[in-house]
N, C-alpha and C. Protein backbone atom coordinates (compact mmCIF):
# COMPACT_ATOMS: atom_id res chain seq x y z
N MET A 1 28.38 117.76 104.03
CA MET A 1 29.82 117.94 104.28
C MET A 1 29.99 119.39 103.63
N ARG A 2 30.99 120.15 104.05
CA ARG A 2 31.38 121.57 103.73
C ARG A 2 32.41 121.46 103.20
N ILE A 3 32.57 122.51 101.90
CA ILE A 3 33.72 122.57 101.31
C ILE A 3 33.59 123.89 100.93
N LEU A 4 35.51 124.57 101.64
CA LEU A 4 35.54 125.72 101.16
C LEU A 4 36.54 126.22 99.98
N VAL A 5 35.68 126.69 98.76
CA VAL A 5 36.57 127.01 97.37
C VAL A 5 37.12 128.55 97.44
N VAL A 6 38.26 128.47 97.26
CA VAL A 6 39.20 129.81 97.47
C VAL A 6 39.50 130.00 96.37
N GLU A 7 39.08 130.99 94.99
CA GLU A 7 39.72 131.20 93.75
C GLU A 7 39.41 132.47 93.64
N ASP A 8 40.40 133.27 92.76
CA ASP A 8 40.24 134.69 92.52
C ASP A 8 39.09 134.94 91.13
N ASP A 9 39.64 133.49 90.53
CA ASP A 9 38.31 133.69 88.88
C ASP A 9 36.76 133.55 89.57
N ARG A 10 36.37 134.61 89.62
CA ARG A 10 34.86 134.45 90.07
C ARG A 10 33.94 133.76 89.35
N ASP A 11 34.10 133.39 87.81
CA ASP A 11 33.35 132.96 86.93
C ASP A 11 33.48 131.08 87.34
N LEU A 12 35.03 130.91 87.34
CA LEU A 12 35.62 129.43 88.09
C LEU A 12 34.95 129.20 89.40
N ALA A 13 34.89 130.27 90.14
CA ALA A 13 34.30 130.12 91.59
C ALA A 13 33.05 129.43 91.41
N ARG A 14 32.27 130.37 90.95
CA ARG A 14 30.91 130.29 90.81
C ARG A 14 30.53 129.06 90.22
N TYR A 15 31.23 128.55 89.09
CA TYR A 15 30.73 127.20 88.35
C TYR A 15 31.27 126.15 89.48
N LEU A 16 32.23 126.26 90.29
CA LEU A 16 32.83 124.91 91.43
C LEU A 16 31.59 125.44 92.40
N GLU A 17 31.11 126.36 92.73
CA GLU A 17 29.86 126.63 93.69
C GLU A 17 28.68 126.00 93.23
N LEU A 18 27.95 126.38 92.25
CA LEU A 18 27.18 125.70 91.76
C LEU A 18 26.64 124.24 91.49
N ALA A 19 28.27 123.47 91.04
CA ALA A 19 28.58 122.25 90.78
C ALA A 19 28.40 121.20 91.82
N LEU A 20 29.38 122.10 93.20
CA LEU A 20 29.70 120.98 94.31
C LEU A 20 28.56 121.35 95.13
N THR A 21 27.30 122.27 94.92
CA THR A 21 26.08 122.36 95.75
C THR A 21 25.09 121.46 94.74
N HIS A 22 25.08 121.17 93.50
CA HIS A 22 24.26 120.58 92.89
C HIS A 22 24.68 118.88 93.44
N GLU A 23 25.96 118.81 93.69
CA GLU A 23 26.15 117.30 94.32
C GLU A 23 26.01 117.06 95.57
N GLY A 24 25.52 118.11 96.38
CA GLY A 24 24.86 118.19 97.67
C GLY A 24 25.91 118.26 98.56
N TYR A 25 27.24 119.28 98.47
CA TYR A 25 27.80 119.33 99.21
C TYR A 25 27.44 121.34 99.92
N ALA A 26 27.73 121.73 100.76
CA ALA A 26 27.15 122.58 101.74
C ALA A 26 28.84 123.60 100.93
N VAL A 27 28.81 124.85 100.17
CA VAL A 27 29.78 125.29 99.72
C VAL A 27 30.10 126.80 100.07
N SER A 28 31.10 127.22 100.22
CA SER A 28 31.56 128.85 100.78
C SER A 28 32.37 129.44 99.95
N VAL A 29 32.61 130.27 99.57
CA VAL A 29 33.48 131.03 98.52
C VAL A 29 34.29 131.85 99.09
N ALA A 30 35.55 131.93 99.00
CA ALA A 30 36.15 133.37 98.98
C ALA A 30 37.10 133.64 98.19
N TYR A 31 37.15 134.58 97.53
CA TYR A 31 38.07 135.94 96.58
C TYR A 31 39.77 136.14 96.32
N ASP A 32 39.66 135.79 97.80
CA ASP A 32 41.41 135.92 97.59
C ASP A 32 41.90 135.47 99.30
N GLY A 33 43.30 135.55 99.65
CA GLY A 33 44.02 134.73 100.22
C GLY A 33 43.26 135.11 102.16
N GLU A 34 43.24 136.43 101.75
CA GLU A 34 42.88 136.64 103.55
C GLU A 34 41.81 136.21 103.53
N GLU A 35 40.25 136.43 102.80
CA GLU A 35 39.13 135.91 103.23
C GLU A 35 39.38 134.30 103.38
N GLY A 36 40.49 133.80 102.48
CA GLY A 36 40.21 132.27 102.69
C GLY A 36 40.99 131.97 103.85
N LEU A 37 41.78 132.63 104.29
CA LEU A 37 42.22 132.10 105.69
C LEU A 37 41.59 132.33 106.58
N ARG A 38 40.36 133.24 106.57
CA ARG A 38 39.36 133.77 107.68
C ARG A 38 38.38 132.43 107.65
N LEU A 39 38.06 132.06 106.62
CA LEU A 39 36.87 130.77 106.60
C LEU A 39 37.60 129.48 106.53
N ALA A 40 38.69 129.48 106.30
CA ALA A 40 39.40 127.92 106.58
C ALA A 40 39.64 127.85 108.01
N SER A 41 39.81 128.76 108.94
CA SER A 41 39.58 128.92 110.10
C SER A 41 38.61 128.22 111.03
N SER A 42 37.45 128.44 110.10
CA SER A 42 35.83 128.11 110.84
C SER A 42 36.03 126.62 110.45
N ASP A 43 34.65 126.06 110.92
CA ASP A 43 34.75 124.51 110.62
C ASP A 43 34.49 124.01 109.67
N GLN A 44 35.37 123.82 108.64
CA GLN A 44 35.22 123.22 107.05
C GLN A 44 35.55 121.71 107.26
N ASP A 45 35.16 121.13 106.53
CA ASP A 45 35.86 119.79 105.51
C ASP A 45 36.67 119.44 104.76
N LEU A 46 36.94 120.49 104.11
CA LEU A 46 37.61 120.52 103.09
C LEU A 46 37.66 121.96 102.08
N VAL A 47 38.93 121.92 101.82
CA VAL A 47 39.13 123.62 101.31
C VAL A 47 39.91 123.11 99.89
N LEU A 48 39.20 123.82 99.02
CA LEU A 48 40.04 123.87 97.37
C LEU A 48 40.36 125.06 97.48
N LEU A 49 41.65 125.31 97.44
CA LEU A 49 42.52 126.23 97.36
C LEU A 49 43.62 126.70 96.14
N ASP A 50 43.40 127.87 95.51
CA ASP A 50 43.75 128.23 94.30
C ASP A 50 45.25 128.71 94.57
N VAL A 51 46.33 128.65 93.62
CA VAL A 51 47.64 128.82 94.41
C VAL A 51 48.12 130.45 94.15
N MET A 52 47.34 130.83 92.57
CA MET A 52 47.63 132.49 92.39
C MET A 52 46.46 133.18 92.77
N LEU A 53 46.44 133.29 94.21
CA LEU A 53 45.81 134.27 94.59
C LEU A 53 46.05 135.95 94.62
N PRO A 54 45.51 137.18 94.59
CA PRO A 54 45.88 138.26 94.87
C PRO A 54 46.30 138.58 96.42
N GLY A 55 47.39 139.39 96.98
CA GLY A 55 47.42 139.52 98.18
C GLY A 55 48.39 138.52 98.71
N LEU A 56 47.30 137.95 99.94
CA LEU A 56 48.16 136.42 100.37
C LEU A 56 48.22 135.02 99.13
N GLY A 57 49.30 134.94 98.97
CA GLY A 57 49.06 133.80 98.34
C GLY A 57 48.81 132.62 98.08
N GLY A 58 48.15 131.23 97.57
CA GLY A 58 47.77 129.97 97.84
C GLY A 58 48.97 129.75 98.67
N MET A 59 49.74 129.43 98.38
CA MET A 59 50.74 128.72 99.38
C MET A 59 51.38 129.45 100.97
N GLN A 60 51.04 130.51 100.93
CA GLN A 60 51.18 131.30 102.12
C GLN A 60 49.77 130.83 103.16
N VAL A 61 48.52 130.99 102.12
CA VAL A 61 47.34 130.36 102.92
C VAL A 61 47.39 128.98 103.72
N LEU A 62 48.14 128.10 102.67
CA LEU A 62 48.38 126.55 103.12
C LEU A 62 49.14 126.77 104.44
N GLN A 63 50.23 127.41 104.25
CA GLN A 63 50.95 127.24 105.51
C GLN A 63 50.40 127.74 106.53
N ALA A 64 49.84 128.98 106.63
CA ALA A 64 48.76 129.46 107.89
C ALA A 64 47.50 128.55 108.34
N VAL A 65 47.39 127.68 106.95
CA VAL A 65 46.22 127.02 107.58
C VAL A 65 46.54 125.69 108.47
N ARG A 66 47.91 125.24 108.17
CA ARG A 66 48.46 123.78 108.28
C ARG A 66 48.97 124.09 109.57
N ARG A 67 49.17 125.41 109.89
CA ARG A 67 49.75 125.66 111.62
C ARG A 67 48.64 125.69 112.30
N ARG A 68 47.21 125.90 112.07
CA ARG A 68 46.29 125.78 112.82
C ARG A 68 45.17 124.55 112.63
N SER A 69 45.34 123.87 111.67
CA SER A 69 44.12 122.37 111.82
C SER A 69 44.99 122.14 110.80
N GLY A 70 44.38 120.66 110.55
CA GLY A 70 44.34 119.56 109.75
C GLY A 70 43.64 118.93 108.62
N VAL A 71 42.85 120.17 108.87
CA VAL A 71 41.77 120.30 107.41
C VAL A 71 42.51 119.72 105.94
N PRO A 72 41.69 118.91 105.46
CA PRO A 72 42.09 118.70 104.14
C PRO A 72 41.99 119.76 103.23
N VAL A 73 43.41 120.07 102.22
CA VAL A 73 43.19 121.26 101.47
C VAL A 73 43.87 120.28 100.14
N ILE A 74 43.24 120.82 98.89
CA ILE A 74 43.15 120.31 97.41
C ILE A 74 43.93 121.75 97.06
N LEU A 75 45.01 121.57 96.50
CA LEU A 75 45.48 123.20 95.39
C LEU A 75 44.78 122.60 94.00
N LEU A 76 44.52 124.13 93.61
CA LEU A 76 43.86 124.06 92.41
C LEU A 76 45.03 125.15 91.52
N THR A 77 45.91 124.91 90.17
CA THR A 77 46.43 125.96 89.97
C THR A 77 46.81 125.51 88.42
N ALA A 78 47.14 126.62 87.67
CA ALA A 78 47.31 126.25 86.28
C ALA A 78 48.47 125.86 85.90
N ARG A 79 50.05 126.36 86.96
CA ARG A 79 50.86 125.60 86.86
C ARG A 79 51.14 124.18 87.11
N ASP A 80 51.90 123.64 86.16
CA ASP A 80 52.09 122.00 86.45
C ASP A 80 53.21 121.69 86.18
N HIS A 81 54.45 122.55 86.55
CA HIS A 81 55.77 121.98 87.03
C HIS A 81 55.93 121.22 88.27
N THR A 82 56.66 120.40 87.88
CA THR A 82 56.66 118.99 88.87
C THR A 82 57.48 120.30 90.59
N GLU A 83 57.99 121.10 90.24
CA GLU A 83 58.50 121.54 91.39
C GLU A 83 57.37 122.30 92.16
N ASP A 84 56.44 123.03 91.41
CA ASP A 84 55.13 123.51 92.06
C ASP A 84 54.77 122.70 92.87
N LYS A 85 54.48 121.25 92.33
CA LYS A 85 53.54 120.71 93.17
C LYS A 85 54.58 119.76 94.33
N VAL A 86 55.52 119.58 94.14
CA VAL A 86 56.26 118.99 95.24
C VAL A 86 56.48 120.05 96.60
N GLN A 87 56.60 121.48 96.29
CA GLN A 87 56.15 122.75 96.97
C GLN A 87 55.00 122.31 97.87
N GLY A 88 53.65 122.20 97.06
CA GLY A 88 52.63 122.88 97.81
C GLY A 88 52.08 121.15 98.57
N LEU A 89 52.75 119.89 98.19
CA LEU A 89 52.46 118.60 99.19
C LEU A 89 53.84 118.53 100.18
N ASP A 90 54.80 119.25 100.06
CA ASP A 90 55.69 119.36 101.49
C ASP A 90 55.10 120.54 102.48
N LEU A 91 54.50 121.77 101.95
CA LEU A 91 53.93 122.25 102.70
C LEU A 91 52.59 121.76 103.33
N GLY A 92 51.81 120.86 102.89
CA GLY A 92 50.72 120.03 103.83
C GLY A 92 49.68 120.04 102.97
N ALA A 93 49.96 119.96 101.57
CA ALA A 93 48.48 120.23 100.61
C ALA A 93 48.17 118.45 100.69
N ASP A 94 46.80 117.98 100.66
CA ASP A 94 46.46 116.39 100.32
C ASP A 94 46.20 116.14 99.30
N ASP A 95 46.83 116.94 97.92
CA ASP A 95 46.21 116.35 96.77
C ASP A 95 46.89 117.98 96.01
N TYR A 96 46.69 117.59 94.67
CA TYR A 96 46.89 118.91 93.76
C TYR A 96 46.33 118.86 92.29
N LEU A 97 45.39 119.51 91.89
CA LEU A 97 44.96 119.41 90.55
C LEU A 97 45.14 120.56 89.83
N THR A 98 45.50 120.17 88.66
CA THR A 98 46.14 121.35 87.44
C THR A 98 45.26 121.51 86.81
N LYS A 99 44.69 122.85 86.68
CA LYS A 99 43.75 123.51 85.78
C LYS A 99 44.34 123.48 84.20
N PRO A 100 43.24 123.42 83.22
CA PRO A 100 41.42 123.09 83.41
C PRO A 100 41.25 121.62 83.85
N PHE A 101 40.74 121.17 84.82
CA PHE A 101 40.56 119.73 85.15
C PHE A 101 38.79 119.80 84.74
N LYS A 102 38.63 118.68 84.76
CA LYS A 102 37.03 118.02 84.53
C LYS A 102 36.52 117.48 85.81
N LEU A 103 35.23 118.10 86.20
CA LEU A 103 34.44 117.98 87.25
C LEU A 103 34.62 116.49 88.10
N GLU A 104 34.92 116.00 87.03
CA GLU A 104 34.25 114.10 87.52
C GLU A 104 35.63 113.87 88.25
N GLU A 105 36.43 114.59 87.77
CA GLU A 105 37.97 114.47 88.27
C GLU A 105 38.14 115.01 89.58
N LEU A 106 37.78 116.37 89.86
CA LEU A 106 37.84 117.14 91.11
C LEU A 106 36.94 116.06 92.12
N LEU A 107 35.81 115.77 91.57
CA LEU A 107 34.67 115.07 92.73
C LEU A 107 35.30 113.74 93.08
N ALA A 108 36.05 113.02 91.97
CA ALA A 108 36.80 111.97 92.84
C ALA A 108 37.84 112.48 93.75
N ARG A 109 39.09 113.27 93.27
CA ARG A 109 39.72 113.51 94.06
C ARG A 109 39.40 113.83 95.64
N ILE A 110 38.15 114.79 95.99
CA ILE A 110 37.75 115.27 96.97
C ILE A 110 37.43 114.08 97.37
N ARG A 111 36.34 112.75 97.00
CA ARG A 111 36.19 111.28 97.75
C ARG A 111 37.45 110.83 98.46
N SER A 112 38.59 110.78 97.60
CA SER A 112 39.92 110.26 97.98
C SER A 112 40.35 110.80 99.25
N VAL A 113 40.56 112.29 98.98
CA VAL A 113 40.75 112.79 100.31
C VAL A 113 40.39 112.83 101.64
N VAL A 114 39.26 112.51 101.24
CA VAL A 114 38.29 112.51 102.38
C VAL A 114 38.33 111.03 103.34
N ARG A 115 38.41 110.10 102.25
CA ARG A 115 38.30 108.54 102.76
C ARG A 115 40.20 108.65 103.45
N ARG A 116 41.04 109.36 103.09
CA ARG A 116 42.40 108.94 103.83
C ARG A 116 42.07 109.71 105.18
N GLN A 117 41.99 111.11 104.97
CA GLN A 117 41.11 111.63 106.15
C GLN A 117 40.85 110.96 107.30
N GLN A 118 39.50 110.35 106.64
CA GLN A 118 38.53 110.08 107.53
C GLN A 118 38.97 108.53 108.23
N GLY A 119 39.63 107.83 107.43
CA GLY A 119 39.74 106.38 107.51
C GLY A 119 38.43 105.85 106.74
N PRO A 120 38.53 104.72 107.37
CA PRO A 120 36.92 103.91 106.65
C PRO A 120 35.45 104.68 106.72
N VAL A 121 34.95 105.23 105.73
CA VAL A 121 33.44 105.63 105.81
C VAL A 121 32.50 104.50 105.74
N GLN A 122 31.50 104.81 106.41
CA GLN A 122 30.40 104.23 106.69
C GLN A 122 29.64 103.99 105.09
N ASP A 123 29.47 103.59 103.96
CA ASP A 123 28.52 103.80 103.06
C ASP A 123 27.36 103.75 103.23
N VAL A 124 27.17 102.76 103.79
CA VAL A 124 25.52 102.28 103.99
C VAL A 124 25.34 102.55 105.40
N LEU A 125 24.19 103.00 105.72
CA LEU A 125 23.77 103.85 106.82
C LEU A 125 22.06 103.02 107.02
N GLU A 126 21.71 102.65 108.20
CA GLU A 126 20.36 102.07 108.25
C GLU A 126 20.19 102.48 109.92
N ILE A 127 18.30 102.71 109.78
CA ILE A 127 17.81 102.75 110.91
C ILE A 127 16.58 101.84 111.02
N ALA A 128 16.10 101.10 111.50
CA ALA A 128 14.76 100.51 111.32
C ALA A 128 15.09 99.32 109.65
N ASP A 129 13.86 99.84 108.94
CA ASP A 129 13.73 99.43 107.48
C ASP A 129 14.42 100.83 106.75
N LEU A 130 14.81 101.32 106.91
CA LEU A 130 15.18 102.63 106.54
C LEU A 130 16.80 102.40 105.66
N ARG A 131 17.35 102.45 104.60
CA ARG A 131 18.75 102.19 104.40
C ARG A 131 19.16 102.84 103.04
N LEU A 132 20.22 104.13 103.55
CA LEU A 132 20.69 104.80 102.66
C LEU A 132 22.10 104.35 102.04
N ASP A 133 22.04 104.11 100.99
CA ASP A 133 23.61 104.00 100.60
C ASP A 133 24.25 104.93 99.66
N ARG A 134 25.37 105.61 100.07
CA ARG A 134 26.38 106.76 99.87
C ARG A 134 26.61 106.79 98.56
N LEU A 135 27.18 105.37 98.05
CA LEU A 135 28.22 105.18 96.95
C LEU A 135 27.12 105.12 95.76
N GLU A 136 25.87 104.63 96.09
CA GLU A 136 24.96 104.38 95.17
C GLU A 136 24.08 105.45 94.52
N ARG A 137 24.11 106.29 95.56
CA ARG A 137 23.22 107.45 96.06
C ARG A 137 21.72 107.16 95.77
N SER A 138 21.39 105.84 96.44
CA SER A 138 20.12 105.35 96.66
C SER A 138 19.66 105.18 98.16
N VAL A 139 18.40 105.47 98.54
CA VAL A 139 17.58 105.22 99.59
C VAL A 139 16.68 104.34 99.39
N GLN A 140 16.13 103.54 100.51
CA GLN A 140 14.86 102.22 100.50
C GLN A 140 14.31 102.32 101.70
N ARG A 141 13.19 101.87 101.31
CA ARG A 141 12.55 101.87 103.20
C ARG A 141 11.61 100.50 102.71
N GLY A 142 12.07 99.54 103.77
CA GLY A 142 11.18 98.22 103.62
C GLY A 142 11.30 97.18 102.21
N GLY A 143 12.87 98.12 101.41
CA GLY A 143 12.98 97.58 100.43
C GLY A 143 12.33 98.23 98.95
N HIS A 144 11.64 99.47 99.78
CA HIS A 144 10.87 99.74 98.39
C HIS A 144 11.83 101.07 98.22
N PRO A 145 12.11 101.24 96.84
CA PRO A 145 12.96 102.50 96.60
C PRO A 145 12.58 103.90 97.00
N ILE A 146 13.23 104.60 97.48
CA ILE A 146 12.55 105.93 97.40
C ILE A 146 13.22 107.44 96.91
N ASP A 147 12.78 107.83 96.09
CA ASP A 147 13.33 108.83 94.64
C ASP A 147 13.33 110.44 95.83
N LEU A 148 14.53 110.65 95.96
CA LEU A 148 15.09 111.93 96.80
C LEU A 148 15.89 112.63 95.61
N THR A 149 15.60 114.29 96.02
CA THR A 149 16.63 114.93 95.32
C THR A 149 18.10 114.96 96.00
N LYS A 150 19.07 115.83 96.11
CA LYS A 150 20.55 116.05 96.07
C LYS A 150 20.17 116.59 97.57
N ARG A 151 19.59 117.37 97.70
CA ARG A 151 19.50 118.36 99.04
C ARG A 151 18.07 117.14 99.81
N GLU A 152 17.53 116.83 99.71
CA GLU A 152 17.15 115.95 100.57
C GLU A 152 17.63 114.82 100.70
N PHE A 153 18.85 114.18 99.92
CA PHE A 153 19.68 112.80 100.13
C PHE A 153 20.47 113.36 101.41
N ALA A 154 21.15 114.74 101.08
CA ALA A 154 22.30 115.41 101.53
C ALA A 154 21.48 115.58 103.44
N LEU A 155 19.96 115.57 103.43
CA LEU A 155 19.67 116.32 104.66
C LEU A 155 19.36 114.89 105.28
N LEU A 156 18.65 113.69 104.61
CA LEU A 156 18.73 112.32 105.59
C LEU A 156 19.75 112.04 105.72
N GLU A 157 21.09 111.89 104.88
CA GLU A 157 22.32 111.66 105.37
C GLU A 157 22.74 112.36 106.69
N TYR A 158 22.77 113.08 106.70
CA TYR A 158 23.31 114.19 108.02
C TYR A 158 22.06 113.81 109.29
N LEU A 159 21.26 114.03 108.83
CA LEU A 159 20.02 112.89 109.97
C LEU A 159 20.77 111.87 110.52
N MET A 160 20.80 110.57 109.08
CA MET A 160 20.99 109.30 109.55
C MET A 160 22.40 109.56 110.57
N ARG A 161 23.26 110.34 109.92
CA ARG A 161 24.28 109.84 110.66
C ARG A 161 24.65 110.59 112.17
N HIS A 162 23.53 111.12 112.65
CA HIS A 162 23.08 111.70 113.76
C HIS A 162 21.99 111.26 114.35
N GLN A 163 21.47 109.93 114.31
CA GLN A 163 20.28 109.24 114.45
C GLN A 163 20.34 109.24 116.20
N SER A 164 19.10 109.52 116.82
CA SER A 164 18.68 109.43 117.70
C SER A 164 19.50 110.48 118.52
N HIS A 165 19.92 111.82 118.06
CA HIS A 165 20.53 112.64 118.42
C HIS A 165 19.73 113.75 117.85
N PRO A 166 18.92 114.68 118.34
CA PRO A 166 18.12 115.48 118.01
C PRO A 166 19.47 117.06 117.87
N GLN A 167 18.58 117.52 116.42
CA GLN A 167 19.65 118.42 115.78
C GLN A 167 18.81 120.18 115.69
N SER A 168 19.56 121.57 115.56
CA SER A 168 18.62 121.67 115.84
C SER A 168 18.60 122.48 114.46
N ARG A 169 17.68 123.25 114.04
CA ARG A 169 17.42 123.92 112.77
C ARG A 169 18.68 124.52 112.42
N GLU A 170 19.41 125.32 113.33
CA GLU A 170 20.67 126.23 112.64
C GLU A 170 21.82 124.98 112.74
N ALA A 171 22.01 123.84 113.21
CA ALA A 171 22.97 123.01 112.75
C ALA A 171 22.64 122.36 111.76
N ILE A 172 21.34 122.21 111.19
CA ILE A 172 21.22 121.55 109.85
C ILE A 172 21.59 122.09 108.74
N LEU A 173 21.01 123.47 108.90
CA LEU A 173 21.04 124.35 107.86
C LEU A 173 22.65 124.72 107.55
N GLU A 174 23.37 124.53 109.00
CA GLU A 174 25.31 125.29 108.87
C GLU A 174 25.29 123.97 107.98
N HIS A 175 25.10 122.69 108.70
CA HIS A 175 25.87 121.30 107.81
C HIS A 175 25.44 121.26 106.46
N VAL A 176 24.49 121.01 106.06
CA VAL A 176 23.31 120.97 104.80
C VAL A 176 23.59 121.75 103.63
N TRP A 177 23.27 123.35 104.41
CA TRP A 177 23.13 124.18 103.07
C TRP A 177 24.57 125.30 103.43
N GLY A 178 25.22 125.32 104.75
CA GLY A 178 26.61 125.83 104.56
C GLY A 178 25.97 127.30 105.56
N TYR A 179 27.35 127.91 106.19
CA TYR A 179 26.88 128.71 107.05
C TYR A 179 26.64 130.00 106.39
N ASP A 180 26.66 129.93 105.19
CA ASP A 180 26.95 131.43 104.79
C ASP A 180 25.70 131.53 104.10
N PHE A 181 24.97 130.26 103.96
CA PHE A 181 23.37 130.32 103.43
C PHE A 181 22.47 131.66 103.41
N TYR A 182 22.18 132.42 102.50
CA TYR A 182 21.45 133.50 102.40
C TYR A 182 19.66 132.87 102.80
N GLY A 183 19.47 133.03 103.82
CA GLY A 183 17.93 132.72 103.78
C GLY A 183 17.46 132.29 105.26
N THR A 184 16.49 131.63 105.75
CA THR A 184 16.22 131.53 107.46
C THR A 184 15.75 129.83 107.41
N THR A 185 15.99 129.57 108.81
CA THR A 185 15.93 127.96 109.05
C THR A 185 14.47 127.92 108.21
N ASN A 186 13.83 128.65 108.00
CA ASN A 186 12.21 128.06 107.43
C ASN A 186 12.51 127.33 106.36
N VAL A 187 13.62 127.19 105.55
CA VAL A 187 13.86 126.01 104.59
C VAL A 187 14.16 124.81 104.85
N VAL A 188 14.69 124.73 106.37
CA VAL A 188 14.81 123.18 107.13
C VAL A 188 13.07 122.54 106.66
N ASP A 189 12.59 123.61 107.82
CA ASP A 189 10.90 123.07 108.19
C ASP A 189 10.34 122.45 106.45
N VAL A 190 10.65 123.30 105.46
CA VAL A 190 10.07 122.82 104.42
C VAL A 190 10.63 121.62 103.86
N TYR A 191 12.06 121.51 104.00
CA TYR A 191 12.65 119.96 103.13
C TYR A 191 12.61 118.72 104.54
N ILE A 192 12.51 119.39 105.89
CA ILE A 192 11.93 118.22 106.70
C ILE A 192 10.22 117.64 106.03
N TYR A 193 9.75 118.92 105.90
CA TYR A 193 8.24 118.48 105.27
C TYR A 193 8.11 117.63 104.08
N GLN A 194 9.32 117.63 103.49
CA GLN A 194 9.14 117.03 102.03
C GLN A 194 9.93 115.49 102.08
N LEU A 195 10.89 115.50 103.26
CA LEU A 195 11.50 114.55 103.42
C LEU A 195 10.45 113.51 104.33
N ARG A 196 9.86 113.70 104.98
CA ARG A 196 8.95 113.08 105.91
C ARG A 196 7.56 112.47 104.85
N SER A 197 7.35 113.34 104.34
CA SER A 197 6.23 112.79 102.71
C SER A 197 6.68 111.65 101.77
N LYS A 198 8.38 111.77 101.85
CA LYS A 198 8.61 110.34 101.34
C LYS A 198 9.22 108.96 102.29
N ILE A 199 9.80 109.32 103.32
CA ILE A 199 10.41 108.14 104.16
C ILE A 199 9.32 107.85 104.96
N ASP A 200 8.40 108.93 105.17
CA ASP A 200 7.44 108.30 106.52
C ASP A 200 5.84 108.23 106.49
N GLU A 201 5.64 108.84 106.00
CA GLU A 201 3.89 109.35 105.68
C GLU A 201 3.58 108.05 104.70
N PRO A 202 4.53 106.92 103.79
CA PRO A 202 3.80 106.06 102.73
C PRO A 202 3.65 104.84 103.95
N PHE A 203 4.55 105.02 104.94
CA PHE A 203 5.08 103.49 105.71
C PHE A 203 4.14 103.64 107.23
N GLU A 204 4.12 102.67 108.32
CA GLU A 204 3.63 102.44 109.38
C GLU A 204 4.07 103.24 110.25
N ARG A 205 4.91 102.88 110.55
CA ARG A 205 6.26 103.65 111.38
C ARG A 205 6.99 104.79 111.00
N PRO A 206 6.73 106.13 112.10
CA PRO A 206 7.47 107.25 111.63
C PRO A 206 8.82 107.37 111.81
N LEU A 207 9.68 107.13 111.40
CA LEU A 207 11.45 107.31 111.73
C LEU A 207 11.75 109.08 112.39
N LEU A 208 11.11 109.83 111.38
CA LEU A 208 11.72 111.57 111.52
C LEU A 208 10.54 112.01 112.54
N HIS A 209 11.19 112.55 113.55
CA HIS A 209 10.28 113.08 114.56
C HIS A 209 10.94 114.81 114.85
N THR A 210 10.01 115.38 115.20
CA THR A 210 10.15 116.92 115.60
C THR A 210 10.37 116.96 117.59
N VAL A 211 11.31 117.53 117.47
CA VAL A 211 11.56 117.85 119.19
C VAL A 211 11.20 119.22 119.68
N ARG A 212 10.45 119.27 119.93
CA ARG A 212 9.37 120.60 120.11
C ARG A 212 10.38 121.58 120.90
N GLY A 213 11.16 122.74 120.58
CA GLY A 213 11.86 123.57 121.35
C GLY A 213 13.30 123.26 120.83
N VAL A 214 13.72 122.07 119.71
CA VAL A 214 15.05 121.85 119.44
C VAL A 214 14.92 122.01 117.85
N GLY A 215 14.23 120.78 117.58
CA GLY A 215 14.57 120.59 115.96
C GLY A 215 13.91 119.25 115.71
N TYR A 216 14.79 118.57 115.02
CA TYR A 216 14.57 117.00 114.24
C TYR A 216 15.39 115.80 114.56
N VAL A 217 14.90 114.75 114.50
CA VAL A 217 15.59 113.46 114.58
C VAL A 217 15.20 112.28 114.34
N LEU A 218 15.87 111.68 113.79
CA LEU A 218 15.76 110.46 113.34
C LEU A 218 15.63 109.47 114.20
N ARG A 219 14.82 108.59 114.42
CA ARG A 219 14.67 107.49 115.50
C ARG A 219 13.57 106.62 115.30
N GLU A 220 13.83 105.59 116.12
CA GLU A 220 12.36 104.27 115.78
C GLU A 220 11.37 104.58 116.54
N ASP A 221 11.68 105.16 117.93
CA ASP A 221 10.50 105.69 118.40
C ASP A 221 10.79 106.86 119.52
N VAL A 222 9.73 107.70 119.71
CA VAL A 222 9.37 108.66 121.10
C VAL A 222 9.58 108.13 122.14
N PRO A 223 10.59 108.47 122.90
CA PRO A 223 10.32 108.36 124.48
C PRO A 223 8.78 108.32 125.31
N GLY A 224 8.67 107.73 125.35
CA GLY A 224 7.27 108.20 126.38
C GLY A 224 6.06 107.94 125.54
N ALA A 225 6.12 107.60 124.20
CA ALA A 225 4.96 107.52 123.23
C ALA A 225 4.12 106.50 123.43
């Protein structure tokens, strides 16, 4: 899931970037309204938008975003007046969080907004005897628990949501690391290797396959094999 943080306080923006990345989200950051609006027009899953921004203010960004898309927006602001909250919600914000806030509350708000936007979310994903539980953040195969890092979990979740459909390294990098990740697609190969060593190698039947010239796919068997 891709989250855009639009926040001019660079310390807070960096904290949110690190915290959300640690939770397995792909995070992009903008420090002013103009850049935030540009990035919000790209393929984002949620926007955390500060109200008090230099230049183009948060409410203006929100209005412009709403004219273009229905991407979920959570406003972040130090102003806690009711009229400010009402204005933001009337302009199309999905939620409103007053600074300072605890990370746990922000994460809960993100989950709540995403559920409302997407409707019922499949919390348990399965393919063959491999089972991923989003709520418990757990993975099992054949009833045996598998310990994954947050990034490995995010990678596996993405592949399971697109099982039987090969995903390119570029698509994986964009959706799991974020489009502005400073690195090469080689990082995908490294994590695929690590993931395969945990979910495939200890078991008889492989599920994670390399599709030559394309990328990777999770499926129960390989056609023609």
